[in-house]
Amino acid sequence: MTTPTAVVHRDSSALAKATAARIVTRLVDAQSAQGSASIVLTGGGIGIAVLTELARAPARDALDWRHLDVWWGDERFLPAGDSERNETQARAALLDHVGVAPERVHPMPASDGRDGADPVYAAERYAAELARAAQPESHAPVPAFDVCLLGIGPDAHVASLFPEQPALYEDGRSVVGVRGAPKPPPTRLSLTFPAIRAAREVWLLASGESKADAVRLALSGAGPTQVPAAGAYGRSRTLFLLDADAAARLPPGFTAPGQM
């Protein structure tokens, strides 16, 4: 488990711009070292704002989009093209504007796909796709993502891992179908903690005062069953990327608002 670091920006706009720039730098470095790179995308207001800023950033062209694999941390189990799907929003904000190779974009299955309306089968199919992309020598069920982006909800959920839900206890499967989520829509797909923790770097994004208590609890040693954000960490780095409002109640020992 890596020790998390908090990085605070003055507002949500600065957070989105800085995170977009950080993505370019990290993925360019990964491509230089490995020849390719991979990222796990998130949805939500700040997650999509980051993708919008990435599409606008002049530095985006430093990244070889043809050698980037794009995955998702969770998805609303809705028909393909639904405006509420994370995939649909990510395509509109970023992926339709850059030269990403279509075969390297890996959306989670839709509810009108070949699995029908069963999220369990859909989760199994995405898990199989992840396993095929994993490095054989690693014997891991998922790739070693270079960056895994996650938003933090006011209840401290990440991906579609909600407090006290059964998916939090999953230690075998890399992807699960979620039914009865407390946030609509109730049926979703989500990476599990083992899949998230396979990432080299996990970046948790939070913007707004409504996230301040969740951030405080996640950085105060809370258990992941009650505070899922506390259970998300990367193998080499864990960053909490925050605006000043979300960082308003950071626990002692972390950067105070205005210092970054």
Protein backbone atom coordinates (compact mmCIF):
# COMPACT_ATOMS: atom_id res chain seq x y z
CA MET A 1 0.00 0.00 0.00
CA THR A 2 1.43 3.39 -0.99
CA THR A 3 1.12 6.40 1.29
CA PRO A 4 -1.25 8.91 -0.32
CA THR A 5 -0.23 12.46 -1.18
CA ALA A 6 -2.70 15.34 -1.41
CA VAL A 7 -2.25 18.01 -4.08
CA VAL A 8 -4.53 21.03 -3.71
CA HIS A 9 -5.51 23.50 -6.44
CA ARG A 10 -7.31 26.81 -5.98
CA ASP A 11 -10.56 25.80 -7.71
CA SER A 12 -12.15 23.14 -9.92
CA SER A 13 -10.99 24.80 -13.15
CA ALA A 14 -7.37 24.81 -12.01
CA LEU A 15 -7.74 21.22 -10.81
CA ALA A 16 -9.05 20.06 -14.20
CA LYS A 17 -6.32 21.87 -16.16
CA ALA A 18 -3.52 20.67 -13.88
CA THR A 19 -4.75 17.08 -13.93
CA ALA A 20 -4.94 17.12 -17.72
CA ALA A 21 -1.34 18.32 -17.88
CA ARG A 22 -0.30 15.69 -15.35
CA ILE A 23 -1.92 12.95 -17.49
CA VAL A 24 0.07 14.02 -20.56
CA THR A 25 3.35 14.01 -18.64
CA ARG A 26 2.74 10.65 -16.98
CA LEU A 27 1.58 8.86 -20.12
CA VAL A 28 4.34 10.31 -22.31
CA ASP A 29 6.86 9.03 -19.76
CA ALA A 30 5.20 5.62 -19.79
CA GLN A 31 5.25 5.45 -23.59
CA SER A 32 8.92 6.44 -23.63
CA ALA A 33 9.73 3.62 -21.23
CA GLN A 34 7.36 0.93 -22.52
CA GLY A 35 6.29 1.88 -26.04
CA SER A 36 2.65 2.17 -24.98
CA ALA A 37 0.56 3.33 -22.05
CA SER A 38 -2.80 2.69 -20.43
CA ILE A 39 -5.30 4.75 -18.49
CA VAL A 40 -8.53 4.02 -16.63
CA LEU A 41 -11.08 6.81 -17.03
CA THR A 42 -13.72 7.99 -14.62
CA GLY A 43 -16.96 9.88 -15.07
CA GLY A 44 -18.62 12.53 -12.96
CA GLY A 45 -18.36 16.29 -13.21
CA ILE A 46 -14.67 16.70 -12.45
CA GLY A 47 -13.68 13.54 -14.34
CA ILE A 48 -15.28 14.76 -17.56
CA ALA A 49 -13.93 18.28 -16.97
CA VAL A 50 -10.43 16.80 -16.91
CA LEU A 51 -11.03 15.06 -20.25
CA THR A 52 -12.39 18.29 -21.75
CA GLU A 53 -9.24 20.15 -20.68
CA LEU A 54 -7.08 17.34 -22.03
CA ALA A 55 -8.74 17.69 -25.43
CA ARG A 56 -8.01 21.43 -25.38
CA ALA A 57 -4.43 21.21 -24.12
CA PRO A 58 -1.75 22.05 -26.72
CA ALA A 59 0.52 19.50 -25.00
CA ARG A 60 -1.90 16.68 -25.83
CA ASP A 61 -0.08 16.12 -29.12
CA ALA A 62 3.02 15.02 -27.21
CA LEU A 63 1.10 11.85 -26.44
CA ASP A 64 1.00 9.10 -29.05
CA TRP A 65 -2.71 8.39 -28.93
CA ARG A 66 -2.34 5.40 -31.27
CA HIS A 67 -0.42 3.58 -28.54
CA LEU A 68 -2.74 4.29 -25.64
CA ASP A 69 -5.18 1.77 -24.16
CA VAL A 70 -8.28 3.31 -22.61
CA TRP A 71 -10.30 1.48 -19.95
CA TRP A 72 -13.06 2.47 -17.54
CA GLY A 73 -13.29 2.09 -13.78
CA ASP A 74 -17.05 1.80 -13.76
CA GLU A 75 -20.08 2.30 -15.96
CA ARG A 76 -23.78 2.89 -15.73
CA PHE A 77 -25.42 -0.23 -17.15
CA LEU A 78 -27.47 1.55 -19.78
CA PRO A 79 -27.91 1.16 -23.57
CA ALA A 80 -24.98 2.02 -25.83
CA GLY A 81 -24.87 5.72 -26.61
CA ASP A 82 -26.98 6.73 -23.62
CA SER A 83 -25.98 10.22 -22.56
CA GLU A 84 -25.54 9.08 -18.94
CA ARG A 85 -22.90 6.49 -19.79
CA ASN A 86 -19.33 7.38 -18.86
CA GLU A 87 -18.20 6.10 -22.24
CA THR A 88 -20.56 8.40 -24.12
CA GLN A 89 -19.41 11.43 -22.15
CA ALA A 90 -15.73 10.53 -22.51
CA ARG A 91 -16.06 10.17 -26.27
CA ALA A 92 -17.74 13.57 -26.56
CA ALA A 93 -15.24 15.28 -24.26
CA LEU A 94 -12.00 13.71 -25.53
CA LEU A 95 -11.88 10.48 -27.47
CA ASP A 96 -13.68 11.76 -30.57
CA HIS A 97 -11.13 14.57 -30.85
CA VAL A 98 -7.84 12.67 -30.71
CA GLY A 99 -6.29 9.92 -32.78
CA VAL A 100 -6.89 7.05 -30.40
CA ALA A 101 -6.98 3.66 -32.12
CA PRO A 102 -10.56 2.29 -31.95
CA GLU A 103 -9.37 -1.20 -31.06
CA ARG A 104 -7.54 0.21 -28.02
CA VAL A 105 -10.66 1.79 -26.53
CA HIS A 106 -12.25 -0.72 -24.15
CA PRO A 107 -15.71 0.43 -23.00
CA MET A 108 -17.62 -1.59 -20.46
CA PRO A 109 -20.57 -3.50 -21.98
CA ALA A 110 -23.92 -1.78 -22.45
CA SER A 111 -27.27 -3.12 -21.29
CA ASP A 112 -28.40 -3.67 -24.88
CA GLY A 113 -25.27 -5.62 -25.79
CA ARG A 114 -24.85 -9.32 -26.36
CA ASP A 115 -25.06 -10.05 -22.64
CA GLY A 116 -28.60 -8.76 -22.51
CA ALA A 117 -29.69 -7.01 -19.36
CA ASP A 118 -27.59 -9.16 -17.03
CA PRO A 119 -24.75 -7.15 -15.44
CA VAL A 120 -23.12 -10.30 -14.07
CA TYR A 121 -22.45 -11.67 -17.55
CA ALA A 122 -21.38 -8.22 -18.72
CA ALA A 123 -18.90 -7.99 -15.84
CA GLU A 124 -17.50 -11.41 -16.68
CA ARG A 125 -16.96 -10.39 -20.29
CA TYR A 126 -15.11 -7.21 -19.32
CA ALA A 127 -13.01 -9.18 -16.85
CA ALA A 128 -12.07 -11.57 -19.68
CA GLU A 129 -11.06 -8.63 -21.87
CA LEU A 130 -8.87 -7.27 -19.09
CA ALA A 131 -7.28 -10.67 -18.59
CA ARG A 132 -6.41 -10.92 -22.30
CA ALA A 133 -4.66 -7.56 -22.10
CA ALA A 134 -2.67 -8.42 -18.96
CA GLN A 135 1.04 -9.08 -19.22
CA PRO A 136 1.52 -12.88 -19.29
CA GLU A 137 4.60 -12.77 -17.09
CA SER A 138 2.72 -10.89 -14.37
CA HIS A 139 0.15 -13.68 -13.86
CA ALA A 140 -2.28 -10.83 -13.01
CA PRO A 141 -5.93 -10.77 -14.09
CA VAL A 142 -5.71 -7.15 -15.31
CA PRO A 143 -3.11 -4.94 -17.01
CA ALA A 144 -0.78 -2.84 -14.88
CA PHE A 145 -2.57 0.43 -15.68
CA ASP A 146 -0.23 3.40 -15.78
CA VAL A 147 -2.92 5.71 -14.37
CA CYS A 148 -6.27 4.86 -12.81
CA LEU A 149 -8.49 7.93 -12.41
CA LEU A 150 -11.23 7.73 -9.79
CA GLY A 151 -13.76 10.30 -8.63
CA ILE A 152 -14.75 10.49 -4.98
CA GLY A 153 -18.44 10.81 -4.13
CA PRO A 154 -19.85 12.70 -1.13
CA ASP A 155 -20.38 9.30 0.50
CA ALA A 156 -16.73 8.43 -0.26
CA HIS A 157 -17.58 5.92 -2.99
CA VAL A 158 -15.10 5.33 -5.81
CA ALA A 159 -15.92 3.73 -9.16
CA SER A 160 -19.24 2.05 -8.30
CA LEU A 161 -17.99 0.72 -4.97
CA PHE A 162 -20.41 2.17 -2.44
CA PRO A 163 -20.15 2.03 1.37
CA GLU A 164 -21.24 -1.25 2.94
CA GLN A 165 -22.02 -2.85 -0.45
CA PRO A 166 -21.05 -6.50 -1.19
CA ALA A 167 -18.65 -5.51 -4.00
CA LEU A 168 -16.27 -4.06 -1.40
CA TYR A 169 -15.52 -7.57 -0.13
CA GLU A 170 -14.65 -9.00 -3.55
CA ASP A 171 -11.10 -10.34 -3.62
CA GLY A 172 -11.24 -12.67 -6.61
CA ARG A 173 -13.07 -11.05 -9.51
CA SER A 174 -11.69 -7.97 -11.25
CA VAL A 175 -15.10 -6.67 -12.36
CA VAL A 176 -18.50 -7.00 -10.74
CA GLY A 177 -22.08 -6.22 -11.62
CA VAL A 178 -23.61 -3.88 -9.05
CA ARG A 179 -27.34 -3.98 -8.32
CA GLY A 180 -29.16 -1.65 -5.98
CA ALA A 181 -26.59 1.12 -6.03
CA PRO A 182 -27.72 4.01 -3.79
CA LYS A 183 -27.05 6.46 -6.62
CA PRO A 184 -29.07 6.19 -9.85
CA PRO A 185 -29.01 4.29 -12.03
CA PRO A 186 -29.04 1.37 -9.59
CA THR A 187 -27.42 -1.15 -11.96
CA ARG A 188 -23.76 -0.65 -12.79
CA LEU A 189 -20.47 -2.35 -13.60
CA SER A 190 -17.34 -1.66 -11.58
CA LEU A 191 -13.72 -2.61 -11.19
CA THR A 192 -13.04 -4.13 -7.79
CA PHE A 193 -10.31 -3.16 -5.34
CA PRO A 194 -7.90 -5.87 -6.59
CA ALA A 195 -8.16 -4.46 -10.14
CA ILE A 196 -7.77 -0.86 -9.00
CA ARG A 197 -4.75 -1.73 -6.85
CA ALA A 198 -3.03 -3.31 -9.85
CA ALA A 199 -2.53 0.19 -11.26
CA ARG A 200 0.89 1.75 -11.02
CA GLU A 201 -0.67 5.05 -10.02
CA VAL A 202 -4.14 5.76 -8.65
CA TRP A 203 -5.35 9.37 -8.77
CA LEU A 204 -8.46 10.26 -6.77
CA LEU A 205 -10.24 13.43 -7.89
CA ALA A 206 -12.50 15.54 -5.72
CA SER A 207 -14.01 18.97 -6.27
CA GLY A 208 -16.40 20.90 -4.10
CA GLU A 209 -17.20 21.30 -0.41
CA SER A 210 -19.59 18.33 -0.50
CA LYS A 211 -16.55 16.05 -0.88
CA ALA A 212 -14.54 17.53 2.03
CA ASP A 213 -15.71 15.06 4.68
CA ALA A 214 -15.18 12.09 2.36
CA VAL A 215 -11.63 13.24 1.62
CA ARG A 216 -10.92 13.79 5.31
CA LEU A 217 -12.13 10.32 6.23
CA ALA A 218 -10.25 8.65 3.37
CA LEU A 219 -7.00 10.26 4.51
CA SER A 220 -7.58 9.64 8.21
CA GLY A 221 -7.16 5.87 8.23
CA ALA A 222 -10.81 4.91 7.89
CA GLY A 223 -11.67 1.40 6.78
CA PRO A 224 -12.63 0.84 3.13
CA THR A 225 -15.94 -0.82 3.97
CA GLN A 226 -17.32 2.42 5.36
CA VAL A 227 -15.07 4.72 3.27
CA PRO A 228 -14.28 3.06 -0.07
CA ALA A 229 -11.94 5.89 -1.12
CA ALA A 230 -9.63 4.75 1.67
CA GLY A 231 -9.21 1.40 -0.06
CA ALA A 232 -8.10 2.71 -3.45
CA TYR A 233 -4.35 2.95 -3.90
CA GLY A 234 -1.70 2.36 -6.52
CA ARG A 235 1.36 0.12 -6.49
CA SER A 236 3.83 2.99 -6.81
CA ARG A 237 1.81 6.16 -6.18
CA THR A 238 -1.51 7.36 -4.78
CA LEU A 239 -2.56 10.96 -5.32
CA PHE A 240 -5.56 12.84 -4.00
CA LEU A 241 -6.03 15.66 -6.52
CA LEU A 242 -8.30 18.25 -4.92
CA ASP A 243 -9.62 21.75 -5.23
CA ALA A 244 -9.54 24.03 -2.18
CA ASP A 245 -13.14 23.31 -1.23
CA ALA A 246 -12.68 19.54 -1.26
CA ALA A 247 -9.48 20.00 0.76
CA ALA A 248 -11.10 22.23 3.37
CA ARG A 249 -10.95 19.60 6.12
CA LEU A 250 -7.74 17.72 5.39
CA PRO A 251 -6.38 15.85 8.41
CA PRO A 252 -3.09 16.98 9.99
CA GLY A 253 0.00 16.13 7.99
CA PHE A 254 -1.46 16.86 4.56
CA THR A 255 -1.06 19.95 2.42
CA ALA A 256 -3.40 22.77 3.41
CA PRO A 257 -5.43 24.64 0.79
CA GLY A 258 -3.44 27.38 -0.90
CA GLN A 259 -0.05 25.69 -0.48
CA MET A 260 -0.04 23.97 -3.90
